[in-house]
Amino acid sequence: MEKHLFFNYTHDQLADLIKSHGKEKFRAHQLFKWVYEKKELNPENMTNLAKNFRQEVPSIFDFSLPRVVSHLVSQDGTQKFLFEVDKGLTFEAVLIPASDRNTLCVSSEVGCNMACSFCFTGKQKLKRRLSVAEIVGQYMQVVGRISSDIRISNIVFMGMGEPLDNWQSVGPAIELLHDSRGINLSRKKITVSTSGLVPEIPLITEAGVRLAVSLNASNDEVRNQIMPINKKYPLHMLMQACREHARATRDRVTFEYVMLKDVNDEPKNALEVCELVKDVPCKINLIPFNEHPDSGFHRPESKKVYRFQEILLNRGFHTTIRRTMGRDIYAACGQLTSKYDGRPHAQEVATGVLG
């Protein structure tokens, strides 16, 4: 009999599966609590299970997690995990510490189809979409490897891949991360980022989680050049989808804006952003470009980043500059990729206000 991968099932799916094996549905709740609340994967230690059921569990369920190939720690405390799945495919997740939160950035795919020109992952074509178990497994592996005094408070789907290109796994993974009978993360502590798959944005709305949009340009001409998805779903369509999401959820949209030297970092671009998002309840997160090999782009000078922010702030937009974390181990925004021959593991990073 083929085993079922435990981490692929939501609570209700698990109950139905256990019933199909002739067991009481409440056994699903017991398993769920042991695995997700107590982080216990050995059925022998699940002491409130009936002895005969405890002995049968290993023949029904596989509790395997994606294998951790490497675990790097940045000088700023950021931790990067490289996972391996079948046929040697690898993907990364990053734990980002802050004074008031610990955020786990998870991947949804090995590679990516979006081909954004400034993104390291975008240089690697889509190899495979991750399963529910491989997404939730990132959380389980990280929790099992970090200090017990570190609590993961936020999850962001901002790692490798386009989450809306793999909603069949991302959606159930969100349910598992949120379920109060298990991991119990608030939906408002879960953020899904998209490059702009407009027809699928309502899925984020329905899931009740936060929406982040990788904007990165102030007009269609520039966005077409650096983000091919814009040719299919241009900015006017994207902004309308964002307005509808904000109206339905009464929540602000986060616009992520990667700043590329001499591409999208001029004052005129800041003014265009103001006009573009003027009727979308939002906050804007400026991200100075994080270098990676052969990108062809450069990080703007700090003064240009601050000037850009000043223009947005003066026009009433909540605007922050993302503190760059994990850049020395290629764990910063836009730097994640699979392992391959010749890929650098670390880089020299000059210190400064912008990281």
Protein backbone atom coordinates (compact mmCIF):
# COMPACT_ATOMS: atom_id res chain seq x y z
CA MET A 1 0.00 0.00 0.00
CA GLU A 2 1.38 3.40 -1.01
CA LYS A 3 1.99 5.76 1.88
CA HIS A 4 0.44 9.21 1.99
CA LEU A 5 2.75 12.19 2.49
CA PHE A 6 1.36 13.66 5.70
CA PHE A 7 2.23 17.29 4.98
CA ASN A 8 0.17 17.32 1.77
CA TYR A 9 -3.13 17.20 3.69
CA THR A 10 -5.17 19.89 5.39
CA HIS A 11 -6.96 18.94 8.61
CA ASP A 12 -10.26 18.10 6.88
CA GLN A 13 -8.53 16.17 4.11
CA LEU A 14 -6.62 14.24 6.75
CA ALA A 15 -9.83 13.35 8.57
CA ASP A 16 -11.42 12.05 5.35
CA LEU A 17 -8.30 10.05 4.53
CA ILE A 18 -8.17 8.44 7.97
CA LYS A 19 -11.87 7.59 7.75
CA SER A 20 -11.22 5.89 4.41
CA HIS A 21 -8.77 3.64 6.27
CA GLY A 22 -11.51 2.63 8.67
CA LYS A 23 -10.34 4.84 11.54
CA GLU A 24 -12.19 7.42 13.62
CA LYS A 25 -11.99 10.96 12.26
CA PHE A 26 -10.82 12.37 15.59
CA ARG A 27 -7.53 10.55 15.07
CA ALA A 28 -6.74 13.20 12.47
CA HIS A 29 -7.00 15.90 15.11
CA GLN A 30 -4.67 13.96 17.39
CA LEU A 31 -2.07 13.55 14.64
CA PHE A 32 -2.43 17.17 13.61
CA LYS A 33 -1.68 18.43 17.11
CA TRP A 34 1.28 16.12 17.61
CA VAL A 35 2.90 17.07 14.33
CA TYR A 36 2.15 20.78 13.99
CA GLU A 37 1.81 21.90 17.61
CA LYS A 38 4.31 19.61 19.34
CA LYS A 39 6.56 19.05 16.30
CA GLU A 40 6.62 15.31 16.94
CA LEU A 41 7.11 13.14 13.84
CA ASN A 42 7.63 9.76 15.49
CA PRO A 43 4.27 7.98 16.00
CA GLU A 44 5.79 5.91 18.82
CA ASN A 45 5.97 9.10 20.89
CA MET A 46 2.34 10.09 20.26
CA THR A 47 1.22 8.74 23.58
CA ASN A 48 -2.52 9.46 23.41
CA LEU A 49 -2.96 7.39 20.25
CA ALA A 50 -4.38 3.91 20.70
CA LYS A 51 -1.49 1.43 20.64
CA ASN A 52 -2.78 -0.48 17.61
CA PHE A 53 -3.33 2.76 15.65
CA ARG A 54 0.09 4.05 16.69
CA GLN A 55 1.60 0.92 15.15
CA GLU A 56 -0.39 1.37 11.93
CA VAL A 57 0.44 5.05 11.37
CA PRO A 58 3.88 4.41 9.77
CA SER A 59 2.25 2.17 7.15
CA ILE A 60 -0.30 4.88 6.28
CA PHE A 61 1.75 8.09 6.44
CA ASP A 62 5.15 9.28 5.32
CA PHE A 63 6.40 12.13 7.53
CA SER A 64 9.37 12.98 5.30
CA LEU A 65 10.45 16.60 4.94
CA PRO A 66 12.52 18.20 2.15
CA ARG A 67 16.18 17.53 2.88
CA VAL A 68 18.34 20.43 4.08
CA VAL A 69 21.48 20.54 1.93
CA SER A 70 23.03 23.60 3.54
CA HIS A 71 22.30 26.10 6.29
CA LEU A 72 24.13 29.44 6.10
CA VAL A 73 24.08 32.23 8.67
CA SER A 74 24.70 35.84 7.66
CA GLN A 75 26.71 38.34 9.67
CA ASP A 76 23.40 40.11 10.40
CA GLY A 77 21.68 36.97 11.73
CA THR A 78 19.75 36.07 8.58
CA GLN A 79 19.64 32.31 8.00
CA LYS A 80 19.40 30.68 4.58
CA PHE A 81 18.35 27.09 4.02
CA LEU A 82 18.96 25.16 0.79
CA PHE A 83 16.55 22.24 0.33
CA GLU A 84 16.76 19.29 -2.04
CA VAL A 85 13.86 17.38 -3.52
CA ASP A 86 13.68 14.65 -6.15
CA LYS A 87 16.32 14.31 -8.88
CA GLY A 88 18.63 16.75 -7.14
CA LEU A 89 16.39 19.79 -7.59
CA THR A 90 17.05 22.47 -4.98
CA PHE A 91 15.36 25.61 -3.67
CA GLU A 92 15.91 28.09 -0.85
CA ALA A 93 14.11 29.64 2.12
CA VAL A 94 15.31 32.49 4.34
CA LEU A 95 14.66 33.34 7.99
CA ILE A 96 14.88 37.10 8.51
CA PRO A 97 15.19 38.38 12.09
CA ALA A 98 13.97 41.76 13.31
CA SER A 99 13.40 43.33 16.69
CA ASP A 100 9.63 42.76 16.59
CA ARG A 101 9.26 39.72 14.32
CA ASN A 102 10.95 36.74 12.71
CA THR A 103 9.88 36.29 9.10
CA LEU A 104 10.29 33.12 7.08
CA CYS A 105 10.48 33.71 3.34
CA VAL A 106 9.42 30.52 1.57
CA SER A 107 9.68 29.32 -2.02
CA SER A 108 6.78 27.99 -4.08
CA GLU A 109 8.67 26.71 -7.13
CA VAL A 110 12.06 25.44 -8.25
CA GLY A 111 12.97 28.18 -10.69
CA CYS A 112 10.40 30.58 -12.15
CA ASN A 113 8.55 31.22 -15.40
CA MET A 114 8.28 34.99 -14.95
CA ALA A 115 11.83 35.78 -16.17
CA CYS A 116 12.15 39.15 -14.41
CA SER A 117 15.50 40.39 -15.66
CA PHE A 118 16.82 41.67 -12.31
CA CYS A 119 16.01 38.50 -10.33
CA PHE A 120 18.55 35.70 -9.78
CA THR A 121 15.75 33.09 -9.71
CA GLY A 122 14.48 34.50 -13.00
CA LYS A 123 17.67 33.37 -14.72
CA GLN A 124 16.66 29.80 -13.93
CA LYS A 125 13.65 28.55 -15.87
CA LEU A 126 10.92 26.73 -14.00
CA LYS A 127 12.05 23.22 -13.14
CA ARG A 128 9.12 22.12 -10.99
CA ARG A 129 6.30 23.49 -8.87
CA LEU A 130 6.57 22.58 -5.21
CA SER A 131 3.97 20.42 -3.49
CA VAL A 132 2.02 21.45 -0.40
CA ALA A 133 4.33 19.23 1.66
CA GLU A 134 7.44 20.86 0.23
CA ILE A 135 6.13 24.34 1.07
CA VAL A 136 4.94 23.52 4.59
CA GLY A 137 8.07 21.37 4.98
CA GLN A 138 10.23 24.48 4.72
CA TYR A 139 8.54 25.84 7.85
CA MET A 140 8.81 22.51 9.68
CA GLN A 141 12.50 22.06 8.89
CA VAL A 142 13.42 25.61 9.86
CA VAL A 143 11.47 25.43 13.14
CA GLY A 144 13.28 22.20 13.96
CA ARG A 145 16.71 23.72 13.35
CA ILE A 146 16.55 27.16 14.94
CA SER A 147 16.91 28.05 18.59
CA SER A 148 13.85 27.30 20.72
CA ASP A 149 13.64 30.96 21.76
CA ILE A 150 13.09 32.08 18.14
CA ARG A 151 9.44 32.06 17.12
CA ILE A 152 8.49 32.43 13.47
CA SER A 153 5.82 35.14 13.53
CA ASN A 154 5.37 35.89 9.81
CA ILE A 155 5.43 33.93 6.56
CA VAL A 156 6.03 35.61 3.21
CA PHE A 157 5.72 33.84 -0.13
CA MET A 158 8.55 35.87 -1.63
CA GLY A 159 11.14 33.18 -2.23
CA MET A 160 11.76 31.32 -5.47
CA GLY A 161 8.88 31.14 -7.91
CA GLU A 162 5.62 32.97 -8.58
CA PRO A 163 3.09 31.87 -5.91
CA LEU A 164 0.07 32.51 -8.13
CA ASP A 165 1.61 30.20 -10.74
CA ASN A 166 1.29 27.37 -8.19
CA TRP A 167 -1.87 28.15 -6.23
CA GLN A 168 -2.89 24.49 -6.19
CA SER A 169 -0.11 24.05 -3.61
CA VAL A 170 0.14 27.56 -2.15
CA GLY A 171 -3.56 27.74 -1.25
CA PRO A 172 -3.64 24.53 0.86
CA ALA A 173 -0.24 25.44 2.36
CA ILE A 174 -1.74 28.71 3.59
CA GLU A 175 -4.61 26.75 5.17
CA LEU A 176 -2.13 24.53 6.98
CA LEU A 177 -0.05 27.47 8.19
CA HIS A 178 -3.16 29.27 9.42
CA ASP A 179 -5.14 26.40 10.97
CA SER A 180 -5.69 27.12 14.68
CA ARG A 181 -5.51 23.37 15.39
CA GLY A 182 -1.89 23.34 14.23
CA ILE A 183 0.64 26.02 13.30
CA ASN A 184 -1.93 28.75 14.01
CA LEU A 185 -0.51 31.77 12.17
CA SER A 186 -2.89 34.69 11.69
CA ARG A 187 -3.87 35.22 8.06
CA LYS A 188 -2.65 38.81 8.46
CA LYS A 189 0.80 37.42 9.26
CA ILE A 190 0.94 35.65 5.89
CA THR A 191 1.82 37.64 2.76
CA VAL A 192 1.72 36.44 -0.84
CA SER A 193 3.75 38.37 -3.37
CA THR A 194 3.02 38.36 -7.09
CA SER A 195 4.77 39.77 -10.13
CA GLY A 196 1.36 40.60 -11.56
CA LEU A 197 -0.74 37.57 -12.55
CA VAL A 198 -3.85 39.72 -12.58
CA PRO A 199 -6.59 37.06 -13.05
CA GLU A 200 -5.31 35.11 -10.02
CA ILE A 201 -5.08 38.02 -7.56
CA PRO A 202 -8.66 37.36 -6.31
CA LEU A 203 -7.33 34.04 -4.96
CA ILE A 204 -5.24 36.03 -2.47
CA THR A 205 -8.29 38.12 -1.62
CA GLU A 206 -10.36 35.00 -0.93
CA ALA A 207 -7.58 33.48 1.18
CA GLY A 208 -7.70 36.52 3.48
CA VAL A 209 -3.95 37.01 3.48
CA ARG A 210 -1.95 40.11 2.64
CA LEU A 211 -1.11 41.04 -0.94
CA ALA A 212 2.30 42.30 -2.03
CA VAL A 213 2.90 43.32 -5.63
CA SER A 214 6.35 43.36 -7.17
CA LEU A 215 5.92 46.68 -8.99
CA ASN A 216 9.49 47.76 -9.82
CA ALA A 217 8.57 50.29 -12.50
CA SER A 218 6.55 53.46 -12.78
CA ASN A 219 5.38 53.02 -16.37
CA ASP A 220 4.66 50.27 -18.87
CA GLU A 221 7.69 51.00 -21.03
CA VAL A 222 10.18 50.23 -18.25
CA ARG A 223 8.12 47.41 -16.75
CA ASN A 224 7.82 45.69 -20.13
CA GLN A 225 11.62 45.66 -20.33
CA ILE A 226 12.34 44.23 -16.89
CA MET A 227 9.16 42.21 -16.21
CA PRO A 228 7.77 40.36 -19.26
CA ILE A 229 4.48 39.60 -17.45
CA ASN A 230 3.58 43.27 -17.92
CA LYS A 231 3.14 42.76 -21.65
CA LYS A 232 0.22 40.46 -20.89
CA TYR A 233 -1.14 42.32 -17.87
CA PRO A 234 -0.11 45.99 -18.10
CA LEU A 235 -0.16 48.43 -15.23
CA HIS A 236 -3.72 49.67 -15.66
CA MET A 237 -5.00 46.11 -15.28
CA LEU A 238 -2.72 45.48 -12.32
CA MET A 239 -3.80 48.64 -10.52
CA GLN A 240 -7.48 47.79 -11.02
CA ALA A 241 -6.92 44.35 -9.47
CA CYS A 242 -5.14 46.01 -6.53
CA ARG A 243 -8.01 48.46 -6.04
CA GLU A 244 -10.51 45.61 -6.01
CA HIS A 245 -8.43 43.65 -3.50
CA ALA A 246 -8.10 46.66 -1.18
CA ARG A 247 -11.81 47.38 -1.42
CA ALA A 248 -12.80 43.78 -0.65
CA THR A 249 -10.37 43.27 2.23
CA ARG A 250 -10.07 46.81 3.61
CA ASP A 251 -6.37 46.08 3.69
CA ARG A 252 -3.49 47.99 2.17
CA VAL A 253 -1.54 46.56 -0.73
CA THR A 254 2.23 46.50 -0.36
CA PHE A 255 4.05 47.64 -3.48
CA GLU A 256 7.62 46.37 -3.66
CA TYR A 257 9.85 48.55 -5.77
CA VAL A 258 13.33 47.22 -6.54
CA MET A 259 15.48 50.26 -7.34
CA LEU A 260 17.81 49.79 -10.31
CA LYS A 261 20.49 52.37 -10.98
CA ASP A 262 19.67 54.58 -13.98
CA VAL A 263 16.64 52.43 -14.83
CA ASN A 264 13.83 53.34 -12.42
CA ASP A 265 15.43 55.47 -9.70
CA GLU A 266 14.96 59.04 -10.98
CA PRO A 267 12.70 61.68 -9.35
CA LYS A 268 10.43 61.52 -12.40
CA ASN A 269 9.90 57.82 -11.68
CA ALA A 270 8.91 58.64 -8.11
CA LEU A 271 6.34 61.14 -9.38
CA GLU A 272 4.98 58.56 -11.81
CA VAL A 273 4.62 56.05 -8.95
CA CYS A 274 2.60 58.63 -7.02
CA GLU A 275 0.23 59.05 -9.94
CA LEU A 276 0.03 55.30 -10.57
CA VAL A 277 -0.99 54.26 -7.05
CA LYS A 278 -2.83 57.42 -5.96
CA ASP A 279 -6.19 55.67 -5.52
CA VAL A 280 -4.89 52.37 -4.13
CA PRO A 281 -4.67 52.11 -0.32
CA CYS A 282 -1.06 51.04 -0.03
CA LYS A 283 2.37 51.19 1.45
CA ILE A 284 5.48 51.30 -0.70
CA ASN A 285 8.60 49.34 0.09
CA LEU A 286 11.74 50.57 -1.69
CA ILE A 287 14.35 47.84 -2.18
CA PRO A 288 17.81 48.92 -3.36
CA PHE A 289 18.93 46.31 -5.87
CA ASN A 290 20.90 43.38 -4.44
CA GLU A 291 23.70 42.38 -6.78
CA HIS A 292 24.15 38.89 -8.12
CA PRO A 293 26.47 37.48 -10.81
CA ASP A 294 26.00 38.76 -14.38
CA SER A 295 22.82 40.66 -13.53
CA GLY A 296 23.64 43.65 -15.70
CA PHE A 297 22.08 45.96 -13.09
CA HIS A 298 23.57 48.03 -10.30
CA ARG A 299 22.55 49.31 -6.89
CA PRO A 300 21.69 53.04 -6.83
CA GLU A 301 23.53 55.48 -4.59
CA SER A 302 22.00 55.97 -1.16
CA LYS A 303 21.22 59.62 -1.83
CA LYS A 304 19.04 58.69 -4.81
CA VAL A 305 17.14 56.13 -2.75
CA TYR A 306 16.50 58.68 0.01
CA ARG A 307 15.47 61.32 -2.53
CA PHE A 308 13.00 58.86 -4.09
CA GLN A 309 11.54 58.11 -0.66
CA GLU A 310 11.31 61.81 0.19
CA ILE A 311 9.20 62.51 -2.89
CA LEU A 312 6.76 59.74 -1.99
CA LEU A 313 6.59 60.74 1.68
CA ASN A 314 5.95 64.39 0.80
CA ARG A 315 2.94 63.30 -1.23
CA GLY A 316 1.47 61.34 1.65
CA PHE A 317 2.51 57.79 0.80
CA HIS A 318 3.66 55.47 3.56
CA THR A 319 7.09 54.60 2.20
CA THR A 320 9.88 52.55 3.74
CA ILE A 321 13.32 51.49 2.60
CA ARG A 322 13.82 47.81 3.15
CA ARG A 323 16.85 47.07 5.24
CA THR A 324 18.95 44.64 3.25
CA MET A 325 19.39 41.40 5.16
CA GLY A 326 21.53 38.39 4.29
CA ARG A 327 23.19 39.99 1.31
CA ASP A 328 26.58 38.52 2.21
CA ILE A 329 25.23 34.97 1.78
CA TYR A 330 23.05 35.73 -1.28
CA ALA A 331 19.91 35.56 0.87
CA ALA A 332 18.58 39.05 0.12
CA CYS A 333 15.60 39.94 -2.06
CA GLY A 334 16.13 38.76 -5.64
CA GLN A 335 19.21 36.67 -4.81
CA LEU A 336 17.68 33.23 -4.27
CA THR A 337 18.34 30.44 -6.72
CA SER A 338 19.04 26.73 -6.94
CA LYS A 339 22.45 25.26 -6.33
CA TYR A 340 24.58 24.85 -9.42
CA ASP A 341 28.26 24.51 -10.27
CA GLY A 342 30.06 27.80 -9.89
CA ARG A 343 27.31 29.59 -7.98
CA PRO A 344 28.88 31.78 -5.30
CA HIS A 345 27.86 31.19 -1.68
CA ALA A 346 28.97 34.54 -0.33
CA GLN A 347 30.00 38.01 -1.37
CA GLU A 348 31.85 40.92 0.15
CA VAL A 349 29.41 43.59 1.27
CA ALA A 350 30.22 47.17 2.12
CA THR A 351 28.52 48.32 5.29
CA GLY A 352 26.25 51.36 5.38
CA VAL A 353 22.77 52.63 6.13
CA LEU A 354 21.29 50.72 3.18
CA GLY A 355 23.14 47.51 3.97
